Protein backbone atom coordinates (compact mmCIF):
# COMPACT_ATOMS: atom_id res chain seq x y z
CA MET A 1 -10.37 16.99 -25.13
CA ASN A 2 -6.95 18.07 -26.33
CA ILE A 3 -3.91 15.80 -26.22
CA PRO A 4 -1.87 17.70 -23.55
CA ILE A 5 -4.72 17.45 -21.01
CA PHE A 6 -5.18 13.75 -21.80
CA LEU A 7 -1.46 13.10 -21.26
CA LEU A 8 -1.48 15.06 -18.01
CA LEU A 9 -4.49 13.25 -16.52
CA ILE A 10 -3.74 9.74 -17.77
CA GLY A 11 -0.08 9.61 -18.78
CA LEU A 12 1.41 11.35 -15.75
CA PRO A 13 -0.17 8.99 -13.17
CA LEU A 14 1.02 6.04 -15.27
CA VAL A 15 4.60 7.35 -15.26
CA ILE A 16 4.46 7.99 -11.51
CA GLY A 17 3.12 4.49 -10.94
CA LEU A 18 5.86 2.86 -13.00
CA TYR A 19 8.50 4.94 -11.22
CA ALA A 20 7.08 3.92 -7.83
CA GLN A 21 7.19 0.23 -8.76
CA MET A 22 10.79 0.59 -9.91
CA ARG A 23 11.69 2.30 -6.63
CA VAL A 24 10.11 -0.49 -4.58
CA LYS A 25 11.75 -3.29 -6.52
CA GLY A 26 15.09 -1.50 -6.48
CA ALA A 27 15.04 -0.78 -2.74
CA PHE A 28 13.83 -4.27 -1.86
CA GLY A 29 16.34 -5.90 -4.22
CA LYS A 30 19.18 -3.93 -2.65
CA TYR A 31 18.33 -4.33 1.02
CA LYS A 32 17.15 -7.93 0.92
CA LYS A 33 20.86 -8.69 0.39
CA VAL A 34 21.85 -6.77 3.53
CA ARG A 35 21.78 -9.05 6.56
CA ALA A 36 20.68 -7.42 9.82
CA THR A 37 23.14 -7.76 12.68
CA SER A 38 20.30 -9.01 14.93
CA ASN A 39 20.00 -12.07 12.63
CA VAL A 40 16.23 -12.00 13.15
CA THR A 41 13.95 -13.08 10.31
CA GLY A 42 10.85 -11.16 9.28
CA ALA A 43 8.59 -13.75 10.91
CA GLN A 44 10.53 -13.70 14.17
CA ALA A 45 10.51 -9.91 14.24
CA ALA A 46 6.77 -9.81 13.57
CA ARG A 47 6.04 -12.17 16.45
CA GLU A 48 8.33 -10.24 18.80
CA ILE A 49 6.71 -6.93 17.88
CA LEU A 50 3.19 -8.32 18.33
CA ARG A 51 4.10 -9.81 21.73
CA ALA A 52 5.62 -6.50 22.84
CA ALA A 53 2.40 -4.74 21.77
CA LYS A 54 0.39 -7.32 23.76
CA ILE A 55 -1.34 -8.57 20.62
CA HIS A 56 -1.84 -12.32 20.96
CA ASP A 57 -4.66 -13.05 18.50
CA VAL A 58 -2.88 -12.30 15.21
CA GLU A 59 -1.48 -15.21 13.21
CA VAL A 60 1.82 -14.70 11.36
CA ARG A 61 1.87 -16.86 8.25
CA GLU A 62 3.96 -17.37 5.12
CA ILE A 63 2.53 -16.76 1.64
CA ASN A 64 4.03 -17.43 -1.77
CA ASP A 65 3.50 -13.95 -3.21
CA LEU A 66 6.50 -11.69 -3.85
CA LEU A 67 5.87 -8.27 -2.28
CA GLY A 68 2.33 -9.41 -1.46
CA ASP A 69 2.85 -8.84 2.25
CA HIS A 70 -0.25 -7.57 4.03
CA TYR A 71 -2.26 -7.55 7.23
CA ASP A 72 -5.76 -9.02 6.96
CA PRO A 73 -7.89 -7.34 9.66
CA MET A 74 -10.92 -9.54 8.99
CA ARG A 75 -9.06 -12.80 9.70
CA LYS A 76 -6.41 -11.20 11.92
CA ARG A 77 -3.61 -12.63 9.82
CA LEU A 78 -0.24 -11.06 9.15
CA CYS A 79 0.81 -12.53 5.81
CA LEU A 80 4.49 -12.32 4.83
CA SER A 81 5.99 -13.37 1.51
CA THR A 82 8.61 -16.12 1.57
CA ASP A 83 11.58 -13.77 1.29
CA VAL A 84 10.30 -11.61 4.13
CA TYR A 85 9.14 -14.48 6.33
CA ASN A 86 12.39 -16.48 6.25
CA THR A 87 15.11 -13.88 5.71
CA PRO A 88 16.99 -11.83 8.35
CA SER A 89 17.49 -8.95 5.94
CA VAL A 90 17.01 -5.23 6.48
CA ALA A 91 14.30 -5.19 3.81
CA ALA A 92 12.44 -8.12 5.37
CA LEU A 93 12.48 -6.53 8.82
CA GLY A 94 11.18 -3.22 7.49
CA ILE A 95 8.27 -4.85 5.66
CA ALA A 96 7.40 -7.19 8.54
CA ALA A 97 7.40 -4.30 11.01
CA HIS A 98 5.25 -2.21 8.66
CA GLU A 99 2.60 -4.94 8.56
CA CYS A 100 2.80 -5.19 12.34
CA GLY A 101 2.08 -1.48 12.34
CA HIS A 102 -1.29 -2.25 10.74
CA ALA A 103 -2.02 -4.92 13.35
CA ILE A 104 -1.24 -2.38 16.07
CA GLN A 105 -3.49 0.18 14.39
CA HIS A 106 -6.28 -2.40 14.38
CA ALA A 107 -5.77 -3.26 18.03
CA ARG A 108 -5.68 0.42 19.01
CA ALA A 109 -8.76 1.29 16.87
CA TYR A 110 -6.81 3.74 14.72
CA ALA A 111 -9.52 5.88 13.09
CA PRO A 112 -8.26 6.04 9.46
CA LEU A 113 -7.92 2.23 9.41
CA LYS A 114 -11.49 1.89 10.68
CA TRP A 115 -12.69 4.26 7.94
CA ARG A 116 -10.82 2.30 5.28
CA MET A 117 -12.22 -1.01 6.51
CA ALA A 118 -15.74 0.45 6.48
CA ILE A 119 -15.64 1.41 2.79
CA VAL A 120 -13.89 -1.74 1.51
CA PRO A 121 -17.17 -3.38 0.35
CA VAL A 122 -18.15 -0.28 -1.66
CA THR A 123 -14.63 -0.09 -3.10
CA GLN A 124 -14.80 -3.72 -4.21
CA ILE A 125 -18.08 -3.09 -6.04
CA ALA A 126 -16.63 -0.01 -7.74
CA SER A 127 -13.55 -1.99 -8.83
CA GLN A 128 -15.73 -4.76 -10.33
CA MET A 129 -17.62 -2.20 -12.40
CA LEU A 130 -14.49 -0.59 -13.85
CA PRO A 131 -14.03 -2.95 -16.87
CA PHE A 132 -17.48 -1.90 -18.15
CA VAL A 133 -16.71 1.74 -17.42
CA ILE A 134 -13.38 1.61 -19.25
CA ILE A 135 -14.85 -0.02 -22.36
CA GLY A 136 -18.06 1.99 -22.53
CA GLY A 137 -17.03 5.27 -20.97
CA PHE A 138 -13.44 5.76 -22.10
CA PHE A 139 -13.62 4.28 -25.59
CA PHE A 140 -17.25 4.72 -26.67
CA HIS A 141 -18.19 7.75 -24.56
CA ILE A 142 -21.50 6.19 -23.47
CA SER A 143 -23.05 8.85 -21.25
CA GLY A 144 -24.49 6.57 -18.57
CA LEU A 145 -21.24 4.67 -18.17
CA ILE A 146 -19.27 7.91 -17.93
CA THR A 147 -21.49 8.90 -14.99
CA LEU A 148 -21.00 5.47 -13.44
CA GLY A 149 -17.26 5.83 -13.96
CA ILE A 150 -17.26 9.16 -12.14
CA VAL A 151 -18.94 7.52 -9.15
CA CYS A 152 -16.55 4.55 -9.23
CA TYR A 153 -13.41 6.66 -9.44
CA ALA A 154 -14.70 9.05 -6.77
CA VAL A 155 -15.05 6.04 -4.45
CA LEU A 156 -11.60 4.72 -5.38
CA ALA A 157 -9.97 8.15 -5.00
CA PHE A 158 -11.52 8.52 -1.54
CA PHE A 159 -10.34 5.03 -0.60
CA GLN A 160 -6.79 5.80 -1.76
CA LEU A 161 -6.86 9.12 0.10
CA ILE A 162 -7.77 7.37 3.36
CA THR A 163 -5.10 4.76 2.65
CA LEU A 164 -2.31 7.37 2.73
CA PRO A 165 -2.39 8.14 6.49
CA VAL A 166 -2.90 4.43 7.24
CA GLU A 167 0.25 3.45 5.34
CA PHE A 168 2.36 6.42 6.45
CA ASP A 169 1.46 5.78 10.09
CA ALA A 170 2.29 2.06 9.82
CA SER A 171 5.71 2.90 8.37
CA LYS A 172 6.34 5.51 11.07
CA ARG A 173 5.52 2.96 13.77
CA ALA A 174 7.77 0.37 12.09
CA LYS A 175 10.80 2.66 11.94
CA VAL A 176 10.50 3.54 15.64
CA ILE A 177 9.70 0.04 16.91
CA LEU A 178 12.55 -1.69 15.08
CA GLN A 179 15.13 0.60 16.68
CA GLN A 180 13.49 0.68 20.11
CA MET A 181 13.52 -3.13 20.24
CA GLY A 182 17.07 -3.35 18.91
CA ILE A 183 16.02 -5.42 15.90
CA ILE A 184 17.85 -3.04 13.59
CA GLN A 185 20.79 -0.79 14.36
CA PRO A 186 20.99 2.99 13.84
CA GLY A 187 22.92 4.09 10.79
CA GLY A 188 23.03 1.91 7.71
CA GLU A 189 20.37 -0.57 8.79
CA ALA A 190 17.92 2.16 9.78
CA ALA A 191 18.63 3.97 6.50
CA GLY A 192 17.87 0.76 4.60
CA VAL A 193 14.53 0.34 6.35
CA ASN A 194 13.70 3.96 5.56
CA ALA A 195 14.57 3.46 1.89
CA VAL A 196 12.36 0.38 1.56
CA LEU A 197 9.36 1.85 3.39
CA ASN A 198 9.61 5.26 1.73
CA ALA A 199 9.65 3.59 -1.70
CA ALA A 200 6.61 1.52 -0.74
CA ALA A 201 4.80 4.67 0.41
CA LEU A 202 5.28 6.17 -3.04
CA THR A 203 3.17 3.39 -4.57
CA TYR A 204 0.19 4.50 -2.48
CA VAL A 205 0.69 8.10 -3.56
CA ALA A 206 0.81 6.89 -7.17
CA ALA A 207 -2.44 4.94 -6.72
CA PHE A 208 -4.17 8.03 -5.35
CA VAL A 209 -2.88 10.22 -8.20
CA ALA A 210 -4.02 7.62 -10.76
CA ALA A 211 -7.54 7.43 -9.31
CA LEU A 212 -7.72 11.22 -9.16
CA GLY A 213 -6.48 11.54 -12.75
CA ASN A 214 -9.06 9.09 -14.06
CA LEU A 215 -11.79 10.87 -12.11
CA ALA A 216 -10.76 14.24 -13.55
CA TYR A 217 -10.63 12.78 -17.07
CA LEU A 218 -14.17 11.39 -16.83
CA LEU A 219 -15.46 14.65 -15.37
CA LEU A 220 -14.03 16.48 -18.38
CA LEU A 221 -15.57 13.92 -20.75
CA ARG A 222 -18.90 14.42 -19.05
CA ARG A 223 -18.58 18.19 -19.35
CA HIS A 224 -17.95 17.96 -23.09
CA ASP A 225 -20.53 15.26 -23.71
């Protein structure tokens, strides 16, 4: 395989991923310093949103993991990092509302979320196999491991593809709900929420592009094997 194709399939996704991470950290760093006029913390906003959606079986809890905020559908836990949980910032409210969006998707049986949940076990197995694939397939071009790598990255690419509508929908719900409930104000606060959530969305696009690039690379290796 020639160098330009290698750089396109492997290097470009890496650059996009690094850019996405910089965007997220930059947007969060900027808007976590902007206090919302509602003076509502991320945890308070999450509980208000869940009550308004008539969701009473989801626990909102604090975790010590910067930007590790997530909704756990198996345990019905909405986990917010310390900065998000305790801070009445525009960034915190955007992230908290986004995770509430996932809880609402779960409660409303949103189809793409159900699909993603269904393939999580297969995705976990594929991820566990990747170290062997990377060593044997990428570096030593072992035929069997290249084939296994193709299967693994096909699973991961499909998972990341399903993730896109799940994340975009959760952000869309968050932007609407925060303004409808008066938790953030139109104008600068709404723009800040948009900046944070749009930057976060880019990370999921980057993950899909990376999985697709690795899949394409292994397919080309297999073709020239």
